[in-house]
């Protein structure tokens, strides 16, 4: 019976070298992709955490530590003292939704006006295209980060369970808690992206309606 000869050692080494090179390239691409994603979400994270910190100061809750952005998980956070009143917790939790929405709409309006002033997307000079692109990026990033996190929902839920017997008005905050949980679940279905796109459509409609 004939015995098949083994491949030469050089062939084996070449295949191993190719696999190692491919692994290194894929790892490098993965690293670059993570950096790109981090840079894309940077404006949204900064505005989101700034809203939390500003809300704390507005309602008189001490900010212990504020990290507006970092390359890590989570990309940003605000640690603050425990609020004395339930409404303080509500304000701190929902502040990013309000501020991020306003900033995103303002950025989209600015991008729309830049394109309009240039006479259209296809005819826009480079400087107008850059301005519109940067504002569009900011609007999309900030709009996508508008939803409060599940941590915000857990904070409100814990306080609601602890205080509703003493103050039944706390029950009015439960729909907010439920809504935060729902939108975070829907984020797996790109709800945060759809929300940002909706803000862009709103900005277009506002510019058109006001004939700016």
C-alpha atoms as a PDB file:
ATOM      1  CA  UNK A   1       0.000   0.000   0.000  1.00  0.00           C
ATOM      2  CA  UNK A   2       1.357   3.395  -0.982  1.00  0.00           C
ATOM      3  CA  UNK A   3       2.062   5.884   1.799  1.00  0.00           C
ATOM      4  CA  UNK A   4       1.389   9.569   1.065  1.00  0.00           C
ATOM      5  CA  UNK A   5       4.370  11.766   1.732  1.00  0.00           C
ATOM      6  CA  UNK A   6       4.058  14.497   4.362  1.00  0.00           C
ATOM      7  CA  UNK A   7       4.183  18.142   3.196  1.00  0.00           C
ATOM      8  CA  UNK A   8       7.614  19.733   3.370  1.00  0.00           C
ATOM      9  CA  UNK A   9       8.521  21.560   6.570  1.00  0.00           C
ATOM     10  CA  UNK A  10       8.754  24.829   4.659  1.00  0.00           C
ATOM     11  CA  UNK A  11       5.117  24.484   3.568  1.00  0.00           C
ATOM     12  CA  UNK A  12       3.986  23.852   7.123  1.00  0.00           C
ATOM     13  CA  UNK A  13       5.934  26.860   8.371  1.00  0.00           C
ATOM     14  CA  UNK A  14       4.521  29.018   5.575  1.00  0.00           C
ATOM     15  CA  UNK A  15       0.938  28.036   6.485  1.00  0.00           C
ATOM     16  CA  UNK A  16       1.593  28.677  10.180  1.00  0.00           C
ATOM     17  CA  UNK A  17       3.149  32.036   9.355  1.00  0.00           C
ATOM     18  CA  UNK A  18       0.126  32.956   7.234  1.00  0.00           C
ATOM     19  CA  UNK A  19      -2.289  32.024  10.035  1.00  0.00           C
ATOM     20  CA  UNK A  20      -0.309  34.016  12.599  1.00  0.00           C
ATOM     21  CA  UNK A  21      -0.181  37.029  10.273  1.00  0.00           C
ATOM     22  CA  UNK A  22      -3.921  36.771   9.662  1.00  0.00           C
ATOM     23  CA  UNK A  23      -4.588  36.617  13.419  1.00  0.00           C
ATOM     24  CA  UNK A  24      -2.415  39.688  14.008  1.00  0.00           C
ATOM     25  CA  UNK A  25      -4.179  41.622  11.231  1.00  0.00           C
ATOM     26  CA  UNK A  26      -7.632  40.700  12.542  1.00  0.00           C
ATOM     27  CA  UNK A  27      -6.630  41.678  16.061  1.00  0.00           C
ATOM     28  CA  UNK A  28      -5.319  44.993  14.774  1.00  0.00           C
ATOM     29  CA  UNK A  29      -8.492  45.640  12.803  1.00  0.00           C
ATOM     30  CA  UNK A  30     -10.563  44.817  15.877  1.00  0.00           C
ATOM     31  CA  UNK A  31      -8.547  47.302  17.926  1.00  0.00           C
ATOM     32  CA  UNK A  32      -8.954  50.011  15.280  1.00  0.00           C
ATOM     33  CA  UNK A  33     -12.685  49.300  15.091  1.00  0.00           C
ATOM     34  CA  UNK A  34     -13.041  49.701  18.860  1.00  0.00           C
ATOM     35  CA  UNK A  35     -11.137  52.991  18.709  1.00  0.00           C
ATOM     36  CA  UNK A  36     -13.349  54.201  15.836  1.00  0.00           C
ATOM     37  CA  UNK A  37     -16.523  53.303  17.728  1.00  0.00           C
ATOM     38  CA  UNK A  38     -15.231  55.024  20.865  1.00  0.00           C
ATOM     39  CA  UNK A  39     -14.458  58.196  18.916  1.00  0.00           C
ATOM     40  CA  UNK A  40     -17.863  58.076  17.232  1.00  0.00           C
ATOM     41  CA  UNK A  41     -19.767  57.918  20.535  1.00  0.00           C
ATOM     42  CA  UNK A  42     -17.506  60.490  22.244  1.00  0.00           C
ATOM     43  CA  UNK A  43     -19.799  63.550  21.803  1.00  0.00           C
ATOM     44  CA  UNK A  44     -22.852  61.624  22.966  1.00  0.00           C
ATOM     45  CA  UNK A  45     -21.117  60.263  26.073  1.00  0.00           C
ATOM     46  CA  UNK A  46     -19.720  63.686  27.009  1.00  0.00           C
ATOM     47  CA  UNK A  47     -23.109  65.403  26.719  1.00  0.00           C
ATOM     48  CA  UNK A  48     -24.862  62.531  28.536  1.00  0.00           C
ATOM     49  CA  UNK A  49     -22.521  62.619  31.530  1.00  0.00           C
ATOM     50  CA  UNK A  50     -22.409  66.414  31.530  1.00  0.00           C
ATOM     51  CA  UNK A  51     -26.202  66.382  31.810  1.00  0.00           C
ATOM     52  CA  UNK A  52     -26.031  64.054  34.819  1.00  0.00           C
ATOM     53  CA  UNK A  53     -23.382  66.188  36.542  1.00  0.00           C
ATOM     54  CA  UNK A  54     -25.187  69.461  35.776  1.00  0.00           C
ATOM     55  CA  UNK A  55     -28.482  68.047  37.058  1.00  0.00           C
ATOM     56  CA  UNK A  56     -26.770  67.014  40.290  1.00  0.00           C
ATOM     57  CA  UNK A  57     -25.475  70.530  40.832  1.00  0.00           C
ATOM     58  CA  UNK A  58     -28.848  72.015  39.844  1.00  0.00           C
ATOM     59  CA  UNK A  59     -30.775  70.064  42.502  1.00  0.00           C
ATOM     60  CA  UNK A  60     -28.052  70.355  45.142  1.00  0.00           C
ATOM     61  CA  UNK A  61     -26.619  66.827  45.082  1.00  0.00           C
ATOM     62  CA  UNK A  62     -22.863  66.573  45.589  1.00  0.00           C
ATOM     63  CA  UNK A  63     -20.876  65.185  42.661  1.00  0.00           C
ATOM     64  CA  UNK A  64     -18.203  62.795  43.915  1.00  0.00           C
ATOM     65  CA  UNK A  65     -16.564  61.976  40.594  1.00  0.00           C
ATOM     66  CA  UNK A  66     -17.370  62.876  36.993  1.00  0.00           C
ATOM     67  CA  UNK A  67     -15.686  61.090  34.080  1.00  0.00           C
ATOM     68  CA  UNK A  68     -17.031  62.576  30.880  1.00  0.00           C
ATOM     69  CA  UNK A  69     -15.193  60.177  28.573  1.00  0.00           C
ATOM     70  CA  UNK A  70     -12.621  57.414  28.652  1.00  0.00           C
ATOM     71  CA  UNK A  71     -11.541  54.462  26.529  1.00  0.00           C
ATOM     72  CA  UNK A  72     -13.153  51.783  28.643  1.00  0.00           C
ATOM     73  CA  UNK A  73     -16.424  50.326  29.855  1.00  0.00           C
ATOM     74  CA  UNK A  74     -18.398  52.288  30.739  1.00  0.00           C
ATOM     75  CA  UNK A  75     -17.074  55.079  28.508  1.00  0.00           C
ATOM     76  CA  UNK A  76     -18.225  57.674  31.028  1.00  0.00           C
ATOM     77  CA  UNK A  77     -19.931  57.932  34.409  1.00  0.00           C
ATOM     78  CA  UNK A  78     -20.906  60.269  37.230  1.00  0.00           C
ATOM     79  CA  UNK A  79     -20.754  59.238  40.878  1.00  0.00           C
ATOM     80  CA  UNK A  80     -22.796  61.387  43.212  1.00  0.00           C
ATOM     81  CA  UNK A  81     -24.122  61.429  46.758  1.00  0.00           C
ATOM     82  CA  UNK A  82     -27.494  59.810  47.447  1.00  0.00           C
ATOM     83  CA  UNK A  83     -30.242  62.372  46.770  1.00  0.00           C
ATOM     84  CA  UNK A  84     -32.394  63.281  49.768  1.00  0.00           C
ATOM     85  CA  UNK A  85     -35.580  63.567  47.732  1.00  0.00           C
ATOM     86  CA  UNK A  86     -37.136  61.363  45.108  1.00  0.00           C
ATOM     87  CA  UNK A  87     -37.634  64.190  42.637  1.00  0.00           C
ATOM     88  CA  UNK A  88     -33.887  64.845  42.729  1.00  0.00           C
ATOM     89  CA  UNK A  89     -33.297  61.278  41.550  1.00  0.00           C
ATOM     90  CA  UNK A  90     -35.826  61.738  38.749  1.00  0.00           C
ATOM     91  CA  UNK A  91     -34.211  64.965  37.548  1.00  0.00           C
ATOM     92  CA  UNK A  92     -30.721  63.441  37.591  1.00  0.00           C
ATOM     93  CA  UNK A  93     -31.887  60.327  35.726  1.00  0.00           C
ATOM     94  CA  UNK A  94     -33.847  62.028  32.937  1.00  0.00           C
ATOM     95  CA  UNK A  95     -31.523  65.020  32.419  1.00  0.00           C
ATOM     96  CA  UNK A  96     -29.507  63.334  29.615  1.00  0.00           C
ATOM     97  CA  UNK A  97     -32.655  62.626  27.625  1.00  0.00           C
ATOM     98  CA  UNK A  98     -33.611  66.302  27.643  1.00  0.00           C
ATOM     99  CA  UNK A  99     -30.157  67.797  27.068  1.00  0.00           C
ATOM    100  CA  UNK A 100     -29.009  65.244  24.491  1.00  0.00           C
ATOM    101  CA  UNK A 101     -32.225  65.709  22.536  1.00  0.00           C
ATOM    102  CA  UNK A 102     -31.808  69.489  22.458  1.00  0.00           C
ATOM    103  CA  UNK A 103     -28.125  69.334  21.498  1.00  0.00           C
ATOM    104  CA  UNK A 104     -28.758  66.725  18.795  1.00  0.00           C
ATOM    105  CA  UNK A 105     -31.564  68.762  17.214  1.00  0.00           C
ATOM    106  CA  UNK A 106     -29.398  71.904  17.321  1.00  0.00           C
ATOM    107  CA  UNK A 107     -26.514  70.054  15.632  1.00  0.00           C
ATOM    108  CA  UNK A 108     -28.800  68.646  12.933  1.00  0.00           C
ATOM    109  CA  UNK A 109     -30.286  72.082  12.307  1.00  0.00           C
ATOM    110  CA  UNK A 110     -26.773  73.484  11.941  1.00  0.00           C
ATOM    111  CA  UNK A 111     -25.808  70.710   9.507  1.00  0.00           C
ATOM    112  CA  UNK A 112     -28.960  71.317   7.463  1.00  0.00           C
ATOM    113  CA  UNK A 113     -28.315  75.065   7.323  1.00  0.00           C
ATOM    114  CA  UNK A 114     -24.703  74.487   6.243  1.00  0.00           C
ATOM    115  CA  UNK A 115     -25.828  72.279   3.358  1.00  0.00           C
ATOM    116  CA  UNK A 116     -28.606  74.714   2.438  1.00  0.00           C
ATOM    117  CA  UNK A 117     -26.226  77.682   2.437  1.00  0.00           C
ATOM    118  CA  UNK A 118     -23.899  75.776   0.113  1.00  0.00           C
ATOM    119  CA  UNK A 119     -26.686  75.130  -2.369  1.00  0.00           C
ATOM    120  CA  UNK A 120     -27.035  71.401  -1.776  1.00  0.00           C
ATOM    121  CA  UNK A 121     -25.050  68.315  -0.851  1.00  0.00           C
ATOM    122  CA  UNK A 122     -23.539  67.696  -4.289  1.00  0.00           C
ATOM    123  CA  UNK A 123     -22.488  71.293  -4.872  1.00  0.00           C
ATOM    124  CA  UNK A 124     -21.258  72.117  -1.360  1.00  0.00           C
ATOM    125  CA  UNK A 125     -17.666  73.439  -1.121  1.00  0.00           C
ATOM    126  CA  UNK A 126     -15.280  71.425   1.007  1.00  0.00           C
ATOM    127  CA  UNK A 127     -15.482  73.702   4.039  1.00  0.00           C
ATOM    128  CA  UNK A 128     -19.287  73.543   4.083  1.00  0.00           C
ATOM    129  CA  UNK A 129     -19.206  69.769   3.625  1.00  0.00           C
ATOM    130  CA  UNK A 130     -16.785  69.410   6.563  1.00  0.00           C
ATOM    131  CA  UNK A 131     -18.938  71.594   8.824  1.00  0.00           C
ATOM    132  CA  UNK A 132     -22.088  69.717   7.859  1.00  0.00           C
ATOM    133  CA  UNK A 133     -20.355  66.363   8.341  1.00  0.00           C
ATOM    134  CA  UNK A 134     -19.011  67.255  11.788  1.00  0.00           C
ATOM    135  CA  UNK A 135     -22.365  68.626  12.935  1.00  0.00           C
ATOM    136  CA  UNK A 136     -24.129  65.577  11.528  1.00  0.00           C
ATOM    137  CA  UNK A 137     -21.742  63.287  13.411  1.00  0.00           C
ATOM    138  CA  UNK A 138     -22.309  65.220  16.643  1.00  0.00           C
ATOM    139  CA  UNK A 139     -26.073  65.152  16.157  1.00  0.00           C
ATOM    140  CA  UNK A 140     -26.167  61.416  15.506  1.00  0.00           C
ATOM    141  CA  UNK A 141     -23.797  60.555  18.355  1.00  0.00           C
ATOM    142  CA  UNK A 142     -25.547  62.797  20.885  1.00  0.00           C
ATOM    143  CA  UNK A 143     -29.009  61.691  19.801  1.00  0.00           C
ATOM    144  CA  UNK A 144     -28.074  58.020  20.127  1.00  0.00           C
ATOM    145  CA  UNK A 145     -26.902  58.642  23.705  1.00  0.00           C
ATOM    146  CA  UNK A 146     -30.110  60.386  24.792  1.00  0.00           C
ATOM    147  CA  UNK A 147     -31.726  57.383  26.472  1.00  0.00           C
ATOM    148  CA  UNK A 148     -31.094  57.012  30.225  1.00  0.00           C
ATOM    149  CA  UNK A 149     -29.189  53.870  31.168  1.00  0.00           C
ATOM    150  CA  UNK A 150     -30.474  50.824  33.018  1.00  0.00           C
ATOM    151  CA  UNK A 151     -28.411  52.054  35.982  1.00  0.00           C
ATOM    152  CA  UNK A 152     -30.619  55.159  36.068  1.00  0.00           C
ATOM    153  CA  UNK A 153     -33.705  52.924  35.975  1.00  0.00           C
ATOM    154  CA  UNK A 154     -32.402  50.707  38.783  1.00  0.00           C
ATOM    155  CA  UNK A 155     -31.720  53.773  40.935  1.00  0.00           C
ATOM    156  CA  UNK A 156     -35.264  55.065  40.494  1.00  0.00           C
ATOM    157  CA  UNK A 157     -36.771  51.604  40.990  1.00  0.00           C
ATOM    158  CA  UNK A 158     -34.880  51.100  44.263  1.00  0.00           C
ATOM    159  CA  UNK A 159     -36.031  54.451  45.602  1.00  0.00           C
ATOM    160  CA  UNK A 160     -39.586  53.855  44.426  1.00  0.00           C
ATOM    161  CA  UNK A 161     -39.823  50.547  46.289  1.00  0.00           C
ATOM    162  CA  UNK A 162     -38.337  52.086  49.412  1.00  0.00           C
ATOM    163  CA  UNK A 163     -40.439  55.240  49.542  1.00  0.00           C
ATOM    164  CA  UNK A 164     -43.842  54.569  47.957  1.00  0.00           C
ATOM    165  CA  UNK A 165     -45.550  53.692  51.263  1.00  0.00           C
ATOM    166  CA  UNK A 166     -44.340  56.886  52.862  1.00  0.00           C
ATOM    167  CA  UNK A 167     -45.177  59.003  49.816  1.00  0.00           C
ATOM    168  CA  UNK A 168     -47.592  57.414  47.299  1.00  0.00           C
ATOM    169  CA  UNK A 169     -46.812  60.226  44.840  1.00  0.00           C
ATOM    170  CA  UNK A 170     -43.592  58.314  44.194  1.00  0.00           C
ATOM    171  CA  UNK A 171     -45.695  55.851  42.192  1.00  0.00           C
ATOM    172  CA  UNK A 172     -45.947  58.530  39.508  1.00  0.00           C
ATOM    173  CA  UNK A 173     -42.291  57.857  38.754  1.00  0.00           C
ATOM    174  CA  UNK A 174     -42.867  54.190  37.953  1.00  0.00           C
ATOM    175  CA  UNK A 175     -43.897  54.874  34.317  1.00  0.00           C
ATOM    176  CA  UNK A 176     -40.564  56.672  33.894  1.00  0.00           C
ATOM    177  CA  UNK A 177     -38.719  53.643  35.259  1.00  0.00           C
ATOM    178  CA  UNK A 178     -40.672  51.300  32.971  1.00  0.00           C
ATOM    179  CA  UNK A 179     -40.018  53.532  29.959  1.00  0.00           C
ATOM    180  CA  UNK A 180     -36.273  53.605  30.644  1.00  0.00           C
ATOM    181  CA  UNK A 181     -36.154  49.811  30.823  1.00  0.00           C
ATOM    182  CA  UNK A 182     -38.197  49.474  27.626  1.00  0.00           C
ATOM    183  CA  UNK A 183     -36.038  51.839  25.570  1.00  0.00           C
ATOM    184  CA  UNK A 184     -32.879  50.100  26.766  1.00  0.00           C
ATOM    185  CA  UNK A 185     -34.288  46.744  25.683  1.00  0.00           C
ATOM    186  CA  UNK A 186     -35.321  48.255  22.356  1.00  0.00           C
ATOM    187  CA  UNK A 187     -31.772  49.545  21.904  1.00  0.00           C
ATOM    188  CA  UNK A 188     -30.910  45.984  20.872  1.00  0.00           C
ATOM    189  CA  UNK A 189     -33.254  46.675  17.953  1.00  0.00           C
ATOM    190  CA  UNK A 190     -31.444  49.945  17.144  1.00  0.00           C
ATOM    191  CA  UNK A 191     -34.127  52.080  18.800  1.00  0.00           C
ATOM    192  CA  UNK A 192     -31.473  54.622  19.857  1.00  0.00           C
ATOM    193  CA  UNK A 193     -30.358  54.958  16.237  1.00  0.00           C
ATOM    194  CA  UNK A 194     -33.944  55.346  15.052  1.00  0.00           C
ATOM    195  CA  UNK A 195     -34.473  58.013  17.705  1.00  0.00           C
ATOM    196  CA  UNK A 196     -31.457  59.976  16.447  1.00  0.00           C
ATOM    197  CA  UNK A 197     -32.675  59.648  12.863  1.00  0.00           C
ATOM    198  CA  UNK A 198     -36.084  60.870  14.029  1.00  0.00           C
ATOM    199  CA  UNK A 199     -34.441  63.944  15.527  1.00  0.00           C
ATOM    200  CA  UNK A 200     -32.714  64.561  12.200  1.00  0.00           C
ATOM    201  CA  UNK A 201     -36.065  64.396  10.403  1.00  0.00           C
ATOM    202  CA  UNK A 202     -37.497  66.770  13.018  1.00  0.00           C
ATOM    203  CA  UNK A 203     -34.638  69.209  12.389  1.00  0.00           C
ATOM    204  CA  UNK A 204     -35.237  69.077   8.641  1.00  0.00           C
ATOM    205  CA  UNK A 205     -38.929  69.748   9.156  1.00  0.00           C
ATOM    206  CA  UNK A 206     -38.197  72.647  11.521  1.00  0.00           C
ATOM    207  CA  UNK A 207     -35.811  74.290   9.057  1.00  0.00           C
ATOM    208  CA  UNK A 208     -38.316  73.834   6.231  1.00  0.00           C
ATOM    209  CA  UNK A 209     -41.254  75.118   8.284  1.00  0.00           C
ATOM    210  CA  UNK A 210     -39.397  78.191   9.497  1.00  0.00           C
ATOM    211  CA  UNK A 211     -37.921  78.742   6.011  1.00  0.00           C
ATOM    212  CA  UNK A 212     -34.549  79.472   7.577  1.00  0.00           C
END
